């Protein structure tokens, strides 16, 4: 079996869309699902982080149990938008050897409408794996594009999160694994990520 690269984008995608996950309080999450777009209460002037990894989202939101993250959303966005964000992104932290110097990275970070962070991928028990998953932070122009142009649909996957979590708690990891969204390596990532994989 092929060994998993240390940093690779994995996700659920179709020909023209990719699914990313976010978790919100019900007063944001439920109207978003109902309307198929983010409600007025959703802050466009703040950075928002999206994650193509379902299990990383489960780790972050505690299977939809953490306060303020009880509604888990699967947001289907255009691949064109996702790739625009990657092409216009900067790493969220300074990496010697990737950036010429700290000041150059700081300038890039200030200008970039998107930023990338690589965090340990998680297994079904939410333990860290030896390879990393992508987190994509959107701000400014990228947030507006995400909300107004890229979003194709918003689904509530909280029941799925709870169902998988119940199976994990009961020790039935095989059944839990069968319910996971079928994530696979995202194509063309090498060209898109360029210097974004230290």
C-alpha atoms as a PDB file:
ATOM      1  CA  UNK A   1       0.000   0.000   0.000  1.00  0.00           C
ATOM      2  CA  UNK A   2       1.242   3.483  -0.888  1.00  0.00           C
ATOM      3  CA  UNK A   3       2.559   5.403   2.100  1.00  0.00           C
ATOM      4  CA  UNK A   4       0.608   8.558   2.915  1.00  0.00           C
ATOM      5  CA  UNK A   5       2.598  11.749   2.118  1.00  0.00           C
ATOM      6  CA  UNK A   6       3.279  13.960   5.129  1.00  0.00           C
ATOM      7  CA  UNK A   7       1.128  16.788   3.749  1.00  0.00           C
ATOM      8  CA  UNK A   8      -1.607  16.162   1.234  1.00  0.00           C
ATOM      9  CA  UNK A   9      -5.104  17.520   0.585  1.00  0.00           C
ATOM     10  CA  UNK A  10      -7.687  14.791   1.005  1.00  0.00           C
ATOM     11  CA  UNK A  11     -11.383  15.432   0.641  1.00  0.00           C
ATOM     12  CA  UNK A  12     -14.708  14.571  -0.943  1.00  0.00           C
ATOM     13  CA  UNK A  13     -14.893  16.142  -4.374  1.00  0.00           C
ATOM     14  CA  UNK A  14     -16.782  15.864  -7.645  1.00  0.00           C
ATOM     15  CA  UNK A  15     -15.981  17.226 -11.085  1.00  0.00           C
ATOM     16  CA  UNK A  16     -16.648  20.845 -10.172  1.00  0.00           C
ATOM     17  CA  UNK A  17     -17.039  20.934  -6.353  1.00  0.00           C
ATOM     18  CA  UNK A  18     -15.259  19.999  -3.130  1.00  0.00           C
ATOM     19  CA  UNK A  19     -16.796  19.612   0.334  1.00  0.00           C
ATOM     20  CA  UNK A  20     -15.354  21.461   3.323  1.00  0.00           C
ATOM     21  CA  UNK A  21     -16.527  21.342   6.936  1.00  0.00           C
ATOM     22  CA  UNK A  22     -17.302  23.979   9.534  1.00  0.00           C
ATOM     23  CA  UNK A  23     -19.125  23.891  12.877  1.00  0.00           C
ATOM     24  CA  UNK A  24     -21.269  26.646  14.320  1.00  0.00           C
ATOM     25  CA  UNK A  25     -23.818  27.357  17.019  1.00  0.00           C
ATOM     26  CA  UNK A  26     -27.337  26.409  15.883  1.00  0.00           C
ATOM     27  CA  UNK A  27     -28.347  30.058  15.426  1.00  0.00           C
ATOM     28  CA  UNK A  28     -25.816  30.287  12.561  1.00  0.00           C
ATOM     29  CA  UNK A  29     -25.743  26.671  11.374  1.00  0.00           C
ATOM     30  CA  UNK A  30     -29.466  25.948  11.101  1.00  0.00           C
ATOM     31  CA  UNK A  31     -30.410  29.055   9.030  1.00  0.00           C
ATOM     32  CA  UNK A  32     -27.389  28.344   6.794  1.00  0.00           C
ATOM     33  CA  UNK A  33     -28.738  24.855   6.077  1.00  0.00           C
ATOM     34  CA  UNK A  34     -32.284  26.139   5.584  1.00  0.00           C
ATOM     35  CA  UNK A  35     -31.292  28.951   3.206  1.00  0.00           C
ATOM     36  CA  UNK A  36     -28.353  27.241   1.522  1.00  0.00           C
ATOM     37  CA  UNK A  37     -26.242  30.299   2.326  1.00  0.00           C
ATOM     38  CA  UNK A  38     -24.752  31.923   5.405  1.00  0.00           C
ATOM     39  CA  UNK A  39     -27.181  34.165   7.327  1.00  0.00           C
ATOM     40  CA  UNK A  40     -26.726  37.861   8.052  1.00  0.00           C
ATOM     41  CA  UNK A  41     -25.475  37.029  11.571  1.00  0.00           C
ATOM     42  CA  UNK A  42     -22.466  35.246  10.016  1.00  0.00           C
ATOM     43  CA  UNK A  43     -19.511  37.627  10.225  1.00  0.00           C
ATOM     44  CA  UNK A  44     -17.936  38.369   6.851  1.00  0.00           C
ATOM     45  CA  UNK A  45     -15.275  40.603   8.371  1.00  0.00           C
ATOM     46  CA  UNK A  46     -13.714  37.751  10.355  1.00  0.00           C
ATOM     47  CA  UNK A  47     -11.397  35.013   9.230  1.00  0.00           C
ATOM     48  CA  UNK A  48     -13.195  31.715   8.695  1.00  0.00           C
ATOM     49  CA  UNK A  49     -11.432  28.332   8.601  1.00  0.00           C
ATOM     50  CA  UNK A  50     -12.635  25.501   6.387  1.00  0.00           C
ATOM     51  CA  UNK A  51     -11.441  21.903   6.541  1.00  0.00           C
ATOM     52  CA  UNK A  52     -11.759  19.224   3.833  1.00  0.00           C
ATOM     53  CA  UNK A  53     -11.084  16.528   6.473  1.00  0.00           C
ATOM     54  CA  UNK A  54     -14.215  15.241   8.236  1.00  0.00           C
ATOM     55  CA  UNK A  55     -12.281  13.658  11.121  1.00  0.00           C
ATOM     56  CA  UNK A  56     -10.197  16.781  11.690  1.00  0.00           C
ATOM     57  CA  UNK A  57     -13.468  18.690  11.981  1.00  0.00           C
ATOM     58  CA  UNK A  58     -14.729  16.077  14.466  1.00  0.00           C
ATOM     59  CA  UNK A  59     -11.578  16.593  16.521  1.00  0.00           C
ATOM     60  CA  UNK A  60     -12.054  20.362  16.419  1.00  0.00           C
ATOM     61  CA  UNK A  61     -15.757  20.352  17.355  1.00  0.00           C
ATOM     62  CA  UNK A  62     -15.766  17.283  19.628  1.00  0.00           C
ATOM     63  CA  UNK A  63     -18.224  15.415  17.385  1.00  0.00           C
ATOM     64  CA  UNK A  64     -20.525  18.479  17.508  1.00  0.00           C
ATOM     65  CA  UNK A  65     -20.566  18.612  21.312  1.00  0.00           C
ATOM     66  CA  UNK A  66     -18.395  21.687  21.979  1.00  0.00           C
ATOM     67  CA  UNK A  67     -20.300  24.863  22.906  1.00  0.00           C
ATOM     68  CA  UNK A  68     -20.778  27.068  19.860  1.00  0.00           C
ATOM     69  CA  UNK A  69     -19.964  24.177  17.502  1.00  0.00           C
ATOM     70  CA  UNK A  70     -23.053  22.006  17.880  1.00  0.00           C
ATOM     71  CA  UNK A  71     -24.108  22.209  14.218  1.00  0.00           C
ATOM     72  CA  UNK A  72     -21.650  20.575  11.826  1.00  0.00           C
ATOM     73  CA  UNK A  73     -21.932  21.786   8.241  1.00  0.00           C
ATOM     74  CA  UNK A  74     -20.749  20.176   5.026  1.00  0.00           C
ATOM     75  CA  UNK A  75     -20.307  23.114   2.672  1.00  0.00           C
ATOM     76  CA  UNK A  76     -19.991  22.187  -0.980  1.00  0.00           C
ATOM     77  CA  UNK A  77     -17.972  24.841  -2.795  1.00  0.00           C
ATOM     78  CA  UNK A  78     -16.686  25.190  -6.329  1.00  0.00           C
ATOM     79  CA  UNK A  79     -13.290  23.700  -7.053  1.00  0.00           C
ATOM     80  CA  UNK A  80     -12.499  26.915  -8.942  1.00  0.00           C
ATOM     81  CA  UNK A  81     -12.996  28.871  -5.720  1.00  0.00           C
ATOM     82  CA  UNK A  82     -11.062  26.386  -3.606  1.00  0.00           C
ATOM     83  CA  UNK A  83      -8.155  26.493  -6.045  1.00  0.00           C
ATOM     84  CA  UNK A  84      -8.262  30.297  -6.206  1.00  0.00           C
ATOM     85  CA  UNK A  85      -7.868  30.324  -2.414  1.00  0.00           C
ATOM     86  CA  UNK A  86      -4.909  27.918  -2.590  1.00  0.00           C
ATOM     87  CA  UNK A  87      -3.201  29.966  -5.308  1.00  0.00           C
ATOM     88  CA  UNK A  88      -3.643  33.137  -3.242  1.00  0.00           C
ATOM     89  CA  UNK A  89      -2.694  31.625   0.119  1.00  0.00           C
ATOM     90  CA  UNK A  90       0.251  32.064   2.430  1.00  0.00           C
ATOM     91  CA  UNK A  91       1.410  29.694   5.156  1.00  0.00           C
ATOM     92  CA  UNK A  92      -0.024  30.736   8.528  1.00  0.00           C
ATOM     93  CA  UNK A  93       3.388  30.553  10.200  1.00  0.00           C
ATOM     94  CA  UNK A  94       6.925  31.431   9.190  1.00  0.00           C
ATOM     95  CA  UNK A  95       9.008  28.515   7.923  1.00  0.00           C
ATOM     96  CA  UNK A  96      12.741  28.989   7.467  1.00  0.00           C
ATOM     97  CA  UNK A  97      13.744  27.744   4.029  1.00  0.00           C
ATOM     98  CA  UNK A  98      10.271  28.254   2.550  1.00  0.00           C
ATOM     99  CA  UNK A  99      10.214  32.016   3.081  1.00  0.00           C
ATOM    100  CA  UNK A 100      13.297  34.148   2.286  1.00  0.00           C
ATOM    101  CA  UNK A 101      13.007  35.843   5.701  1.00  0.00           C
ATOM    102  CA  UNK A 102      10.529  36.709   8.429  1.00  0.00           C
ATOM    103  CA  UNK A 103       9.733  40.175   7.037  1.00  0.00           C
ATOM    104  CA  UNK A 104       8.892  38.757   3.584  1.00  0.00           C
ATOM    105  CA  UNK A 105       6.537  36.201   5.148  1.00  0.00           C
ATOM    106  CA  UNK A 106       4.874  38.926   7.275  1.00  0.00           C
ATOM    107  CA  UNK A 107       4.270  41.021   4.141  1.00  0.00           C
ATOM    108  CA  UNK A 108       2.836  38.012   2.284  1.00  0.00           C
ATOM    109  CA  UNK A 109       0.593  37.147   5.224  1.00  0.00           C
ATOM    110  CA  UNK A 110      -0.770  40.685   5.408  1.00  0.00           C
ATOM    111  CA  UNK A 111      -1.606  40.704   1.686  1.00  0.00           C
ATOM    112  CA  UNK A 112      -2.890  37.138   1.274  1.00  0.00           C
ATOM    113  CA  UNK A 113      -6.680  36.646   1.408  1.00  0.00           C
ATOM    114  CA  UNK A 114      -6.144  33.000   2.407  1.00  0.00           C
ATOM    115  CA  UNK A 115      -3.794  31.113   4.675  1.00  0.00           C
ATOM    116  CA  UNK A 116      -2.850  27.496   5.036  1.00  0.00           C
ATOM    117  CA  UNK A 117      -2.155  25.475   8.133  1.00  0.00           C
ATOM    118  CA  UNK A 118      -1.186  21.789   8.246  1.00  0.00           C
ATOM    119  CA  UNK A 119      -2.478  19.950  11.317  1.00  0.00           C
ATOM    120  CA  UNK A 120      -2.157  16.275  12.249  1.00  0.00           C
ATOM    121  CA  UNK A 121      -4.885  14.214  10.596  1.00  0.00           C
ATOM    122  CA  UNK A 122      -7.013  12.209  13.056  1.00  0.00           C
ATOM    123  CA  UNK A 123      -8.194   8.630  13.322  1.00  0.00           C
ATOM    124  CA  UNK A 124     -11.672   7.543  14.439  1.00  0.00           C
ATOM    125  CA  UNK A 125     -10.674   7.917  18.089  1.00  0.00           C
ATOM    126  CA  UNK A 126      -9.422  11.432  17.170  1.00  0.00           C
ATOM    127  CA  UNK A 127      -5.821  10.504  17.925  1.00  0.00           C
ATOM    128  CA  UNK A 128      -3.190  12.274  15.786  1.00  0.00           C
ATOM    129  CA  UNK A 129      -1.876  10.409  12.746  1.00  0.00           C
ATOM    130  CA  UNK A 130       1.688  10.803  11.442  1.00  0.00           C
ATOM    131  CA  UNK A 131       0.564  12.866   8.441  1.00  0.00           C
ATOM    132  CA  UNK A 132      -1.203  16.189   8.158  1.00  0.00           C
ATOM    133  CA  UNK A 133      -4.489  17.608   6.913  1.00  0.00           C
ATOM    134  CA  UNK A 134      -5.149  20.984   5.335  1.00  0.00           C
ATOM    135  CA  UNK A 135      -6.881  23.833   7.104  1.00  0.00           C
ATOM    136  CA  UNK A 136      -7.696  26.786   4.894  1.00  0.00           C
ATOM    137  CA  UNK A 137      -8.263  30.193   6.472  1.00  0.00           C
ATOM    138  CA  UNK A 138     -10.246  32.743   4.463  1.00  0.00           C
ATOM    139  CA  UNK A 139     -10.303  36.481   5.092  1.00  0.00           C
ATOM    140  CA  UNK A 140     -11.268  39.675   3.273  1.00  0.00           C
ATOM    141  CA  UNK A 141     -11.988  39.020  -0.394  1.00  0.00           C
ATOM    142  CA  UNK A 142     -11.791  35.236   0.093  1.00  0.00           C
ATOM    143  CA  UNK A 143     -14.525  35.235   2.781  1.00  0.00           C
ATOM    144  CA  UNK A 144     -16.846  37.251   0.553  1.00  0.00           C
ATOM    145  CA  UNK A 145     -16.191  34.985  -2.428  1.00  0.00           C
ATOM    146  CA  UNK A 146     -16.724  31.905  -0.251  1.00  0.00           C
ATOM    147  CA  UNK A 147     -20.105  33.105   0.976  1.00  0.00           C
ATOM    148  CA  UNK A 148     -21.400  34.758  -2.201  1.00  0.00           C
ATOM    149  CA  UNK A 149     -19.790  32.956  -5.144  1.00  0.00           C
ATOM    150  CA  UNK A 150     -18.260  29.594  -4.216  1.00  0.00           C
ATOM    151  CA  UNK A 151     -20.922  28.037  -1.972  1.00  0.00           C
ATOM    152  CA  UNK A 152     -23.083  25.587  -3.918  1.00  0.00           C
ATOM    153  CA  UNK A 153     -24.904  23.880  -1.022  1.00  0.00           C
ATOM    154  CA  UNK A 154     -24.833  23.595   2.772  1.00  0.00           C
ATOM    155  CA  UNK A 155     -25.853  20.349   4.508  1.00  0.00           C
ATOM    156  CA  UNK A 156     -26.257  19.547   8.185  1.00  0.00           C
ATOM    157  CA  UNK A 157     -24.040  16.527   8.931  1.00  0.00           C
ATOM    158  CA  UNK A 158     -24.508  16.701  12.714  1.00  0.00           C
ATOM    159  CA  UNK A 159     -26.638  13.497  12.761  1.00  0.00           C
ATOM    160  CA  UNK A 160     -23.891  11.682  10.833  1.00  0.00           C
ATOM    161  CA  UNK A 161     -21.271  12.950  13.303  1.00  0.00           C
ATOM    162  CA  UNK A 162     -23.356  11.687  16.239  1.00  0.00           C
ATOM    163  CA  UNK A 163     -23.992   8.313  14.577  1.00  0.00           C
ATOM    164  CA  UNK A 164     -20.297   7.719  13.858  1.00  0.00           C
ATOM    165  CA  UNK A 165     -19.348   8.874  17.362  1.00  0.00           C
ATOM    166  CA  UNK A 166     -21.845   6.442  18.940  1.00  0.00           C
ATOM    167  CA  UNK A 167     -20.326   3.560  16.952  1.00  0.00           C
ATOM    168  CA  UNK A 168     -16.801   4.601  17.985  1.00  0.00           C
ATOM    169  CA  UNK A 169     -17.869   4.792  21.636  1.00  0.00           C
ATOM    170  CA  UNK A 170     -19.382   1.323  21.295  1.00  0.00           C
ATOM    171  CA  UNK A 171     -16.137  -0.030  19.877  1.00  0.00           C
ATOM    172  CA  UNK A 172     -17.560  -0.768  16.398  1.00  0.00           C
ATOM    173  CA  UNK A 173     -14.826   0.974  14.408  1.00  0.00           C
ATOM    174  CA  UNK A 174     -15.523  -0.989  11.209  1.00  0.00           C
ATOM    175  CA  UNK A 175     -19.127   0.231  11.015  1.00  0.00           C
ATOM    176  CA  UNK A 176     -17.985   3.753  11.947  1.00  0.00           C
ATOM    177  CA  UNK A 177     -15.359   3.726   9.181  1.00  0.00           C
ATOM    178  CA  UNK A 178     -17.967   2.651   6.607  1.00  0.00           C
ATOM    179  CA  UNK A 179     -20.022   5.772   7.375  1.00  0.00           C
ATOM    180  CA  UNK A 180     -17.130   8.203   6.896  1.00  0.00           C
ATOM    181  CA  UNK A 181     -17.290  10.484   3.859  1.00  0.00           C
ATOM    182  CA  UNK A 182     -15.149   8.894   1.088  1.00  0.00           C
ATOM    183  CA  UNK A 183     -12.165  11.253   1.093  1.00  0.00           C
ATOM    184  CA  UNK A 184      -9.424  10.815  -1.487  1.00  0.00           C
ATOM    185  CA  UNK A 185      -6.308  12.723  -2.543  1.00  0.00           C
ATOM    186  CA  UNK A 186      -7.172  15.975  -4.304  1.00  0.00           C
ATOM    187  CA  UNK A 187      -5.821  16.211  -7.874  1.00  0.00           C
ATOM    188  CA  UNK A 188      -3.372  18.828  -9.136  1.00  0.00           C
ATOM    189  CA  UNK A 189      -2.408  19.689  -5.586  1.00  0.00           C
ATOM    190  CA  UNK A 190       1.340  19.760  -6.372  1.00  0.00           C
ATOM    191  CA  UNK A 191       1.011  22.711  -8.739  1.00  0.00           C
ATOM    192  CA  UNK A 192      -1.521  24.457  -6.507  1.00  0.00           C
ATOM    193  CA  UNK A 193       0.421  24.105  -3.280  1.00  0.00           C
ATOM    194  CA  UNK A 194       3.788  25.233  -4.636  1.00  0.00           C
ATOM    195  CA  UNK A 195       5.707  26.496  -1.600  1.00  0.00           C
ATOM    196  CA  UNK A 196       2.832  25.834   0.781  1.00  0.00           C
ATOM    197  CA  UNK A 197       4.058  22.424   1.935  1.00  0.00           C
ATOM    198  CA  UNK A 198       7.127  22.938   4.141  1.00  0.00           C
END
